[in-house]
């Protein structure tokens, strides 16, 4: 069972491209705007346009398409479950039944809503993956802190919050590697994770969770000790070796983003009505 092989979230893919060189504030704020726009997308044409834009970003960043899409593979079973639940349990008034089995009945509205939600989650995850593939951990920390700094006036600890978010993101590949080691150790002791039905496979994963949580807390304790030994005391009074500055490519990227957002809004509101 190869977990780290299909993991792309939280991994930085170094390359010399315009997208990599953008200010992290531009990439973080732009991704946030795209995710917000994605939440209001309500038809297949708009989703296709959004997917084409995401594909353009991947090609622009010179990221192998197979590598960028590989991280979606572990999500497919959960998305399939979500899709099935939407099909059978979304029954708005006036919906037409297209399939029935025993006590369950699928409606055309459930099929439509389930498909749209599945596409939305896939694109949301893909946009987050593009952000982490093109932005290093240090840049993510600096960019998030800079964007949260205005909220310090109302008591928001910008530096601490940014560091916490980035550390959590950075721990994703680390915990996946730990889980893979534990699963392989269990398999060496005779546990077969591929046999049995879905419920049996889930039950077999419980012995993996306990040592995984223990290792996660151990790593967190080691990280705290390392930060304290370096006299880390929060963001107060800290300075930056590299000051973030917006370049001309950042302004050009915002023009492109606004043009895309305008087209997306037209597709959402003007051209096709929601289901």
C-alpha atoms as a PDB file:
ATOM      1  CA  UNK A   1       0.000   0.000   0.000  1.00  0.00           C
ATOM      2  CA  UNK A   2       1.808   3.091  -1.288  1.00  0.00           C
ATOM      3  CA  UNK A   3       0.407   6.210   0.402  1.00  0.00           C
ATOM      4  CA  UNK A   4       3.277   8.610  -0.238  1.00  0.00           C
ATOM      5  CA  UNK A   5       3.422   7.600  -3.905  1.00  0.00           C
ATOM      6  CA  UNK A   6       0.064   9.253  -4.576  1.00  0.00           C
ATOM      7  CA  UNK A   7       0.527  12.210  -2.223  1.00  0.00           C
ATOM      8  CA  UNK A   8       0.963  15.670  -3.725  1.00  0.00           C
ATOM      9  CA  UNK A   9      -0.663  17.967  -1.131  1.00  0.00           C
ATOM     10  CA  UNK A  10       1.976  19.709   0.980  1.00  0.00           C
ATOM     11  CA  UNK A  11       4.832  18.826  -1.404  1.00  0.00           C
ATOM     12  CA  UNK A  12       6.834  21.549  -3.161  1.00  0.00           C
ATOM     13  CA  UNK A  13       7.737  20.975  -6.818  1.00  0.00           C
ATOM     14  CA  UNK A  14      10.706  23.275  -7.606  1.00  0.00           C
ATOM     15  CA  UNK A  15      10.845  24.825 -11.063  1.00  0.00           C
ATOM     16  CA  UNK A  16      11.893  28.064 -12.736  1.00  0.00           C
ATOM     17  CA  UNK A  17       8.533  29.379 -13.919  1.00  0.00           C
ATOM     18  CA  UNK A  18       6.530  32.579 -13.686  1.00  0.00           C
ATOM     19  CA  UNK A  19       4.009  30.911 -11.399  1.00  0.00           C
ATOM     20  CA  UNK A  20       6.728  29.791  -8.981  1.00  0.00           C
ATOM     21  CA  UNK A  21       8.244  33.278  -8.894  1.00  0.00           C
ATOM     22  CA  UNK A  22       5.023  35.083  -7.989  1.00  0.00           C
ATOM     23  CA  UNK A  23       4.718  36.694  -4.584  1.00  0.00           C
ATOM     24  CA  UNK A  24       3.254  34.147  -2.119  1.00  0.00           C
ATOM     25  CA  UNK A  25       0.595  36.664  -1.120  1.00  0.00           C
ATOM     26  CA  UNK A  26      -0.605  36.745  -4.714  1.00  0.00           C
ATOM     27  CA  UNK A  27      -0.768  32.962  -4.922  1.00  0.00           C
ATOM     28  CA  UNK A  28      -2.490  32.504  -1.557  1.00  0.00           C
ATOM     29  CA  UNK A  29      -5.036  35.301  -2.091  1.00  0.00           C
ATOM     30  CA  UNK A  30      -5.612  34.212  -5.699  1.00  0.00           C
ATOM     31  CA  UNK A  31      -6.208  30.601  -4.673  1.00  0.00           C
ATOM     32  CA  UNK A  32      -8.607  31.738  -1.952  1.00  0.00           C
ATOM     33  CA  UNK A  33     -10.560  33.804  -4.483  1.00  0.00           C
ATOM     34  CA  UNK A  34     -10.695  30.880  -6.921  1.00  0.00           C
ATOM     35  CA  UNK A  35     -11.946  28.532  -4.204  1.00  0.00           C
ATOM     36  CA  UNK A  36     -14.608  31.063  -3.216  1.00  0.00           C
ATOM     37  CA  UNK A  37     -15.628  31.370  -6.872  1.00  0.00           C
ATOM     38  CA  UNK A  38     -15.726  27.594  -7.161  1.00  0.00           C
ATOM     39  CA  UNK A  39     -18.255  27.360  -4.311  1.00  0.00           C
ATOM     40  CA  UNK A  40     -20.756  29.375  -6.358  1.00  0.00           C
ATOM     41  CA  UNK A  41     -20.246  27.480  -9.626  1.00  0.00           C
ATOM     42  CA  UNK A  42     -23.485  25.731 -10.505  1.00  0.00           C
ATOM     43  CA  UNK A  43     -23.299  24.242 -14.014  1.00  0.00           C
ATOM     44  CA  UNK A  44     -21.143  21.932 -16.084  1.00  0.00           C
ATOM     45  CA  UNK A  45     -20.009  24.583 -18.570  1.00  0.00           C
ATOM     46  CA  UNK A  46     -18.616  26.750 -15.779  1.00  0.00           C
ATOM     47  CA  UNK A  47     -16.906  23.723 -14.223  1.00  0.00           C
ATOM     48  CA  UNK A  48     -15.349  22.816 -17.597  1.00  0.00           C
ATOM     49  CA  UNK A  49     -14.064  26.377 -17.962  1.00  0.00           C
ATOM     50  CA  UNK A  50     -12.648  26.265 -14.431  1.00  0.00           C
ATOM     51  CA  UNK A  51     -10.984  22.883 -15.108  1.00  0.00           C
ATOM     52  CA  UNK A  52      -9.413  24.294 -18.294  1.00  0.00           C
ATOM     53  CA  UNK A  53      -8.020  27.221 -16.284  1.00  0.00           C
ATOM     54  CA  UNK A  54      -6.591  24.837 -13.659  1.00  0.00           C
ATOM     55  CA  UNK A  55      -5.026  22.761 -16.445  1.00  0.00           C
ATOM     56  CA  UNK A  56      -3.453  25.937 -17.828  1.00  0.00           C
ATOM     57  CA  UNK A  57      -1.922  26.700 -14.427  1.00  0.00           C
ATOM     58  CA  UNK A  58      -0.462  23.189 -14.228  1.00  0.00           C
ATOM     59  CA  UNK A  59       1.096  23.503 -17.697  1.00  0.00           C
ATOM     60  CA  UNK A  60       2.350  26.996 -16.891  1.00  0.00           C
ATOM     61  CA  UNK A  61       4.073  25.699 -13.747  1.00  0.00           C
ATOM     62  CA  UNK A  62       5.682  22.880 -15.803  1.00  0.00           C
ATOM     63  CA  UNK A  63       4.254  20.282 -13.432  1.00  0.00           C
ATOM     64  CA  UNK A  64       3.730  16.847 -15.015  1.00  0.00           C
ATOM     65  CA  UNK A  65      -0.015  16.417 -15.414  1.00  0.00           C
ATOM     66  CA  UNK A  66       0.085  12.850 -14.115  1.00  0.00           C
ATOM     67  CA  UNK A  67       1.961  13.972 -11.010  1.00  0.00           C
ATOM     68  CA  UNK A  68      -0.531  16.775 -10.289  1.00  0.00           C
ATOM     69  CA  UNK A  69      -3.561  14.492 -10.738  1.00  0.00           C
ATOM     70  CA  UNK A  70      -2.037  11.579  -8.834  1.00  0.00           C
ATOM     71  CA  UNK A  71      -2.981  13.137  -5.509  1.00  0.00           C
ATOM     72  CA  UNK A  72      -6.669  12.843  -6.417  1.00  0.00           C
ATOM     73  CA  UNK A  73      -6.502   9.044  -6.465  1.00  0.00           C
ATOM     74  CA  UNK A  74      -6.772   8.456  -2.668  1.00  0.00           C
ATOM     75  CA  UNK A  75      -9.885  10.652  -2.576  1.00  0.00           C
ATOM     76  CA  UNK A  76     -11.835   8.664  -5.165  1.00  0.00           C
ATOM     77  CA  UNK A  77     -13.396   6.095  -2.742  1.00  0.00           C
ATOM     78  CA  UNK A  78     -14.658   8.861  -0.438  1.00  0.00           C
ATOM     79  CA  UNK A  79     -15.939  10.898  -3.377  1.00  0.00           C
ATOM     80  CA  UNK A  80     -17.727   7.821  -4.713  1.00  0.00           C
ATOM     81  CA  UNK A  81     -19.448   7.370  -1.331  1.00  0.00           C
ATOM     82  CA  UNK A  82     -20.453  11.034  -1.267  1.00  0.00           C
ATOM     83  CA  UNK A  83     -21.786  10.772  -4.817  1.00  0.00           C
ATOM     84  CA  UNK A  84     -23.896   7.697  -3.966  1.00  0.00           C
ATOM     85  CA  UNK A  85     -25.337   9.355  -0.835  1.00  0.00           C
ATOM     86  CA  UNK A  86     -26.306  12.438  -2.826  1.00  0.00           C
ATOM     87  CA  UNK A  87     -27.996  10.333  -5.504  1.00  0.00           C
ATOM     88  CA  UNK A  88     -30.179   8.393  -3.062  1.00  0.00           C
ATOM     89  CA  UNK A  89     -30.865  11.002  -0.376  1.00  0.00           C
ATOM     90  CA  UNK A  90     -31.295  14.224  -2.376  1.00  0.00           C
ATOM     91  CA  UNK A  91     -35.022  14.233  -3.118  1.00  0.00           C
ATOM     92  CA  UNK A  92     -36.228  17.785  -3.710  1.00  0.00           C
ATOM     93  CA  UNK A  93     -39.856  18.407  -4.541  1.00  0.00           C
ATOM     94  CA  UNK A  94     -40.674  17.613  -8.151  1.00  0.00           C
ATOM     95  CA  UNK A  95     -37.596  15.449  -8.720  1.00  0.00           C
ATOM     96  CA  UNK A  96     -37.993  12.503 -11.094  1.00  0.00           C
ATOM     97  CA  UNK A  97     -37.059   8.995  -9.930  1.00  0.00           C
ATOM     98  CA  UNK A  98     -34.623   7.429 -12.423  1.00  0.00           C
ATOM     99  CA  UNK A  99     -33.682   4.288 -10.488  1.00  0.00           C
ATOM    100  CA  UNK A 100     -35.055   2.413  -7.475  1.00  0.00           C
ATOM    101  CA  UNK A 101     -33.779  -0.554  -5.517  1.00  0.00           C
ATOM    102  CA  UNK A 102     -35.469  -1.961  -2.411  1.00  0.00           C
ATOM    103  CA  UNK A 103     -36.063   1.041  -0.105  1.00  0.00           C
ATOM    104  CA  UNK A 104     -33.726   3.335  -2.022  1.00  0.00           C
ATOM    105  CA  UNK A 105     -34.590   5.506  -4.984  1.00  0.00           C
ATOM    106  CA  UNK A 106     -32.333   7.732  -7.050  1.00  0.00           C
ATOM    107  CA  UNK A 107     -33.589  10.999  -8.508  1.00  0.00           C
ATOM    108  CA  UNK A 108     -32.387  13.069 -11.422  1.00  0.00           C
ATOM    109  CA  UNK A 109     -31.821  15.998  -9.046  1.00  0.00           C
ATOM    110  CA  UNK A 110     -29.720  13.800  -6.741  1.00  0.00           C
ATOM    111  CA  UNK A 111     -27.635  12.622  -9.692  1.00  0.00           C
ATOM    112  CA  UNK A 112     -27.108  16.201 -10.829  1.00  0.00           C
ATOM    113  CA  UNK A 113     -26.255  17.573  -7.375  1.00  0.00           C
ATOM    114  CA  UNK A 114     -23.988  14.627  -6.528  1.00  0.00           C
ATOM    115  CA  UNK A 115     -22.031  15.008  -9.760  1.00  0.00           C
ATOM    116  CA  UNK A 116     -21.619  18.767  -9.279  1.00  0.00           C
ATOM    117  CA  UNK A 117     -20.444  18.329  -5.679  1.00  0.00           C
ATOM    118  CA  UNK A 118     -17.938  15.657  -6.681  1.00  0.00           C
ATOM    119  CA  UNK A 119     -16.472  17.859  -9.421  1.00  0.00           C
ATOM    120  CA  UNK A 120     -16.351  20.789  -6.987  1.00  0.00           C
ATOM    121  CA  UNK A 121     -14.382  18.846  -4.366  1.00  0.00           C
ATOM    122  CA  UNK A 122     -11.953  17.532  -6.995  1.00  0.00           C
ATOM    123  CA  UNK A 123     -11.272  21.014  -8.364  1.00  0.00           C
ATOM    124  CA  UNK A 124     -10.983  22.482  -4.855  1.00  0.00           C
ATOM    125  CA  UNK A 125      -8.374  19.885  -3.928  1.00  0.00           C
ATOM    126  CA  UNK A 126      -6.577  20.436  -7.247  1.00  0.00           C
ATOM    127  CA  UNK A 127      -6.311  24.206  -6.689  1.00  0.00           C
ATOM    128  CA  UNK A 128      -4.893  23.667  -3.191  1.00  0.00           C
ATOM    129  CA  UNK A 129      -2.416  21.158  -4.614  1.00  0.00           C
ATOM    130  CA  UNK A 130      -1.259  23.644  -7.276  1.00  0.00           C
ATOM    131  CA  UNK A 131      -0.639  26.213  -4.525  1.00  0.00           C
ATOM    132  CA  UNK A 132       1.532  23.882  -2.446  1.00  0.00           C
ATOM    133  CA  UNK A 133       3.387  22.515  -5.490  1.00  0.00           C
ATOM    134  CA  UNK A 134       4.438  26.011  -6.560  1.00  0.00           C
ATOM    135  CA  UNK A 135       5.051  27.589  -3.125  1.00  0.00           C
ATOM    136  CA  UNK A 136       7.641  26.492  -0.580  1.00  0.00           C
ATOM    137  CA  UNK A 137       6.872  26.132   3.118  1.00  0.00           C
ATOM    138  CA  UNK A 138       8.799  29.306   3.994  1.00  0.00           C
ATOM    139  CA  UNK A 139       6.937  31.289   1.336  1.00  0.00           C
ATOM    140  CA  UNK A 140       3.589  29.954   2.534  1.00  0.00           C
ATOM    141  CA  UNK A 141       4.430  31.041   6.080  1.00  0.00           C
ATOM    142  CA  UNK A 142       5.558  34.514   5.052  1.00  0.00           C
ATOM    143  CA  UNK A 143       2.635  35.041   2.684  1.00  0.00           C
ATOM    144  CA  UNK A 144      -0.005  33.863   5.156  1.00  0.00           C
ATOM    145  CA  UNK A 145       1.485  35.978   7.919  1.00  0.00           C
ATOM    146  CA  UNK A 146       1.543  39.066   5.682  1.00  0.00           C
ATOM    147  CA  UNK A 147      -2.100  38.589   4.692  1.00  0.00           C
ATOM    148  CA  UNK A 148      -3.173  38.101   8.322  1.00  0.00           C
ATOM    149  CA  UNK A 149      -1.095  41.000   9.686  1.00  0.00           C
ATOM    150  CA  UNK A 150      -3.885  43.639   9.338  1.00  0.00           C
ATOM    151  CA  UNK A 151      -6.026  41.509  11.679  1.00  0.00           C
ATOM    152  CA  UNK A 152      -3.474  41.925  14.475  1.00  0.00           C
ATOM    153  CA  UNK A 153      -5.236  45.143  15.380  1.00  0.00           C
ATOM    154  CA  UNK A 154      -8.202  43.107  16.601  1.00  0.00           C
ATOM    155  CA  UNK A 155      -6.043  40.611  18.488  1.00  0.00           C
ATOM    156  CA  UNK A 156      -5.424  37.945  15.839  1.00  0.00           C
ATOM    157  CA  UNK A 157      -1.939  36.383  16.342  1.00  0.00           C
ATOM    158  CA  UNK A 158      -0.944  36.508  12.668  1.00  0.00           C
ATOM    159  CA  UNK A 159       2.520  34.929  12.924  1.00  0.00           C
ATOM    160  CA  UNK A 160       1.499  32.141  15.267  1.00  0.00           C
ATOM    161  CA  UNK A 161      -1.627  31.338  13.244  1.00  0.00           C
ATOM    162  CA  UNK A 162       0.318  31.295   9.965  1.00  0.00           C
ATOM    163  CA  UNK A 163       2.995  29.052  11.452  1.00  0.00           C
ATOM    164  CA  UNK A 164       0.378  26.657  12.828  1.00  0.00           C
ATOM    165  CA  UNK A 165      -1.387  26.384   9.453  1.00  0.00           C
ATOM    166  CA  UNK A 166       1.825  25.768   7.542  1.00  0.00           C
ATOM    167  CA  UNK A 167       3.120  23.216  10.061  1.00  0.00           C
ATOM    168  CA  UNK A 168      -0.188  21.343   9.794  1.00  0.00           C
ATOM    169  CA  UNK A 169       0.148  21.341   6.007  1.00  0.00           C
ATOM    170  CA  UNK A 170       3.765  20.262   6.226  1.00  0.00           C
ATOM    171  CA  UNK A 171       2.825  17.336   8.478  1.00  0.00           C
ATOM    172  CA  UNK A 172       0.533  15.831   5.807  1.00  0.00           C
ATOM    173  CA  UNK A 173       3.308  14.028   3.864  1.00  0.00           C
ATOM    174  CA  UNK A 174       5.093  13.179   7.119  1.00  0.00           C
ATOM    175  CA  UNK A 175       2.028  11.492   8.625  1.00  0.00           C
ATOM    176  CA  UNK A 176       1.339   9.717   5.327  1.00  0.00           C
ATOM    177  CA  UNK A 177       4.864   8.304   5.428  1.00  0.00           C
ATOM    178  CA  UNK A 178       4.356   7.205   9.044  1.00  0.00           C
ATOM    179  CA  UNK A 179       1.032   5.541   8.155  1.00  0.00           C
ATOM    180  CA  UNK A 180       2.667   3.718   5.254  1.00  0.00           C
ATOM    181  CA  UNK A 181       5.417   2.360   7.520  1.00  0.00           C
ATOM    182  CA  UNK A 182       2.856   1.158  10.085  1.00  0.00           C
ATOM    183  CA  UNK A 183       0.706  -0.507   7.417  1.00  0.00           C
ATOM    184  CA  UNK A 184       3.718  -2.280   5.935  1.00  0.00           C
ATOM    185  CA  UNK A 185       4.717  -3.467   9.417  1.00  0.00           C
ATOM    186  CA  UNK A 186       1.200  -4.818   9.962  1.00  0.00           C
ATOM    187  CA  UNK A 187       1.275  -6.541   6.564  1.00  0.00           C
ATOM    188  CA  UNK A 188       4.594  -8.174   7.479  1.00  0.00           C
ATOM    189  CA  UNK A 189       2.801  -9.652  10.512  1.00  0.00           C
ATOM    190  CA  UNK A 190       0.114 -11.208   8.317  1.00  0.00           C
ATOM    191  CA  UNK A 191      -2.577  -8.517   8.133  1.00  0.00           C
ATOM    192  CA  UNK A 192      -4.160  -8.369   4.671  1.00  0.00           C
ATOM    193  CA  UNK A 193      -5.700  -4.932   4.136  1.00  0.00           C
ATOM    194  CA  UNK A 194      -7.008  -5.812   0.662  1.00  0.00           C
ATOM    195  CA  UNK A 195      -9.253  -8.709   1.693  1.00  0.00           C
ATOM    196  CA  UNK A 196     -12.817  -8.433   2.946  1.00  0.00           C
ATOM    197  CA  UNK A 197     -15.644  -6.024   2.297  1.00  0.00           C
ATOM    198  CA  UNK A 198     -15.560  -2.269   2.851  1.00  0.00           C
ATOM    199  CA  UNK A 199     -16.514  -2.484   6.559  1.00  0.00           C
ATOM    200  CA  UNK A 200     -13.872  -5.152   7.237  1.00  0.00           C
ATOM    201  CA  UNK A 201     -11.212  -3.039   5.533  1.00  0.00           C
ATOM    202  CA  UNK A 202     -12.154  -0.049   7.713  1.00  0.00           C
ATOM    203  CA  UNK A 203     -11.944  -2.166  10.883  1.00  0.00           C
ATOM    204  CA  UNK A 204      -8.465  -3.361   9.884  1.00  0.00           C
ATOM    205  CA  UNK A 205      -7.283   0.255   9.800  1.00  0.00           C
ATOM    206  CA  UNK A 206      -8.060   0.867  13.510  1.00  0.00           C
ATOM    207  CA  UNK A 207      -4.769  -0.764  14.706  1.00  0.00           C
ATOM    208  CA  UNK A 208      -2.983   1.691  12.402  1.00  0.00           C
ATOM    209  CA  UNK A 209      -4.570   4.802  13.913  1.00  0.00           C
ATOM    210  CA  UNK A 210      -3.293   4.396  17.495  1.00  0.00           C
ATOM    211  CA  UNK A 211       0.446   4.192  16.679  1.00  0.00           C
ATOM    212  CA  UNK A 212      -0.075   6.902  14.057  1.00  0.00           C
ATOM    213  CA  UNK A 213      -1.493   9.309  16.656  1.00  0.00           C
ATOM    214  CA  UNK A 214       1.270   8.398  19.113  1.00  0.00           C
ATOM    215  CA  UNK A 215       3.939   9.125  16.494  1.00  0.00           C
ATOM    216  CA  UNK A 216       2.204  12.382  15.561  1.00  0.00           C
ATOM    217  CA  UNK A 217       2.229  13.579  19.193  1.00  0.00           C
ATOM    218  CA  UNK A 218       5.865  12.495  19.527  1.00  0.00           C
ATOM    219  CA  UNK A 219       6.844  14.493  16.456  1.00  0.00           C
ATOM    220  CA  UNK A 220       4.875  17.491  17.734  1.00  0.00           C
ATOM    221  CA  UNK A 221       6.703  17.272  21.081  1.00  0.00           C
ATOM    222  CA  UNK A 222      10.061  17.098  19.280  1.00  0.00           C
ATOM    223  CA  UNK A 223       9.100  20.151  17.217  1.00  0.00           C
ATOM    224  CA  UNK A 224       8.141  22.099  20.360  1.00  0.00           C
ATOM    225  CA  UNK A 225      11.459  21.208  21.989  1.00  0.00           C
ATOM    226  CA  UNK A 226      13.373  22.289  18.878  1.00  0.00           C
ATOM    227  CA  UNK A 227      11.544  25.629  18.730  1.00  0.00           C
ATOM    228  CA  UNK A 228      12.059  26.308  22.435  1.00  0.00           C
ATOM    229  CA  UNK A 229      15.773  25.467  22.181  1.00  0.00           C
ATOM    230  CA  UNK A 230      16.007  28.155  19.476  1.00  0.00           C
ATOM    231  CA  UNK A 231      14.305  30.669  21.808  1.00  0.00           C
ATOM    232  CA  UNK A 232      11.169  30.985  19.681  1.00  0.00           C
ATOM    233  CA  UNK A 233       8.694  33.254  21.466  1.00  0.00           C
ATOM    234  CA  UNK A 234       6.131  34.128  18.812  1.00  0.00           C
ATOM    235  CA  UNK A 235       5.964  36.804  16.173  1.00  0.00           C
ATOM    236  CA  UNK A 236       6.415  39.860  18.385  1.00  0.00           C
ATOM    237  CA  UNK A 237       9.583  41.761  17.522  1.00  0.00           C
ATOM    238  CA  UNK A 238      10.605  39.384  14.726  1.00  0.00           C
ATOM    239  CA  UNK A 239      12.007  40.771  11.480  1.00  0.00           C
ATOM    240  CA  UNK A 240      12.279  39.300   8.000  1.00  0.00           C
ATOM    241  CA  UNK A 241      15.461  38.553   6.094  1.00  0.00           C
ATOM    242  CA  UNK A 242      13.488  38.699   2.832  1.00  0.00           C
ATOM    243  CA  UNK A 243      10.847  41.410   2.520  1.00  0.00           C
ATOM    244  CA  UNK A 244       7.948  40.527   0.229  1.00  0.00           C
ATOM    245  CA  UNK A 245       7.436  42.867  -2.718  1.00  0.00           C
ATOM    246  CA  UNK A 246       4.908  42.696  -5.517  1.00  0.00           C
ATOM    247  CA  UNK A 247       6.386  42.612  -9.026  1.00  0.00           C
ATOM    248  CA  UNK A 248       4.910  43.309 -12.432  1.00  0.00           C
ATOM    249  CA  UNK A 249       4.064  39.633 -12.918  1.00  0.00           C
ATOM    250  CA  UNK A 250       1.909  39.798  -9.784  1.00  0.00           C
ATOM    251  CA  UNK A 251      -0.114  42.674 -11.238  1.00  0.00           C
ATOM    252  CA  UNK A 252      -0.433  40.866 -14.575  1.00  0.00           C
ATOM    253  CA  UNK A 253      -1.627  37.740 -12.774  1.00  0.00           C
ATOM    254  CA  UNK A 254      -4.339  39.712 -10.976  1.00  0.00           C
ATOM    255  CA  UNK A 255      -5.531  41.085 -14.318  1.00  0.00           C
ATOM    256  CA  UNK A 256      -5.743  37.535 -15.686  1.00  0.00           C
ATOM    257  CA  UNK A 257      -7.504  36.344 -12.531  1.00  0.00           C
ATOM    258  CA  UNK A 258     -10.076  39.149 -12.665  1.00  0.00           C
ATOM    259  CA  UNK A 259     -10.742  38.443 -16.345  1.00  0.00           C
ATOM    260  CA  UNK A 260     -11.229  34.757 -15.583  1.00  0.00           C
ATOM    261  CA  UNK A 261     -13.489  35.573 -12.621  1.00  0.00           C
ATOM    262  CA  UNK A 262     -15.617  37.840 -14.828  1.00  0.00           C
ATOM    263  CA  UNK A 263     -16.026  35.081 -17.427  1.00  0.00           C
ATOM    264  CA  UNK A 264     -16.838  32.560 -14.708  1.00  0.00           C
ATOM    265  CA  UNK A 265     -19.505  34.824 -13.224  1.00  0.00           C
ATOM    266  CA  UNK A 266     -21.042  35.232 -16.687  1.00  0.00           C
ATOM    267  CA  UNK A 267     -21.185  31.449 -17.065  1.00  0.00           C
ATOM    268  CA  UNK A 268     -22.735  31.093 -13.613  1.00  0.00           C
ATOM    269  CA  UNK A 269     -25.318  33.861 -13.810  1.00  0.00           C
ATOM    270  CA  UNK A 270     -26.016  34.804 -17.421  1.00  0.00           C
ATOM    271  CA  UNK A 271     -25.584  31.817 -19.720  1.00  0.00           C
ATOM    272  CA  UNK A 272     -26.839  28.793 -17.826  1.00  0.00           C
ATOM    273  CA  UNK A 273     -29.392  28.826 -15.065  1.00  0.00           C
ATOM    274  CA  UNK A 274     -28.810  26.575 -12.022  1.00  0.00           C
ATOM    275  CA  UNK A 275     -30.591  23.249 -11.913  1.00  0.00           C
END
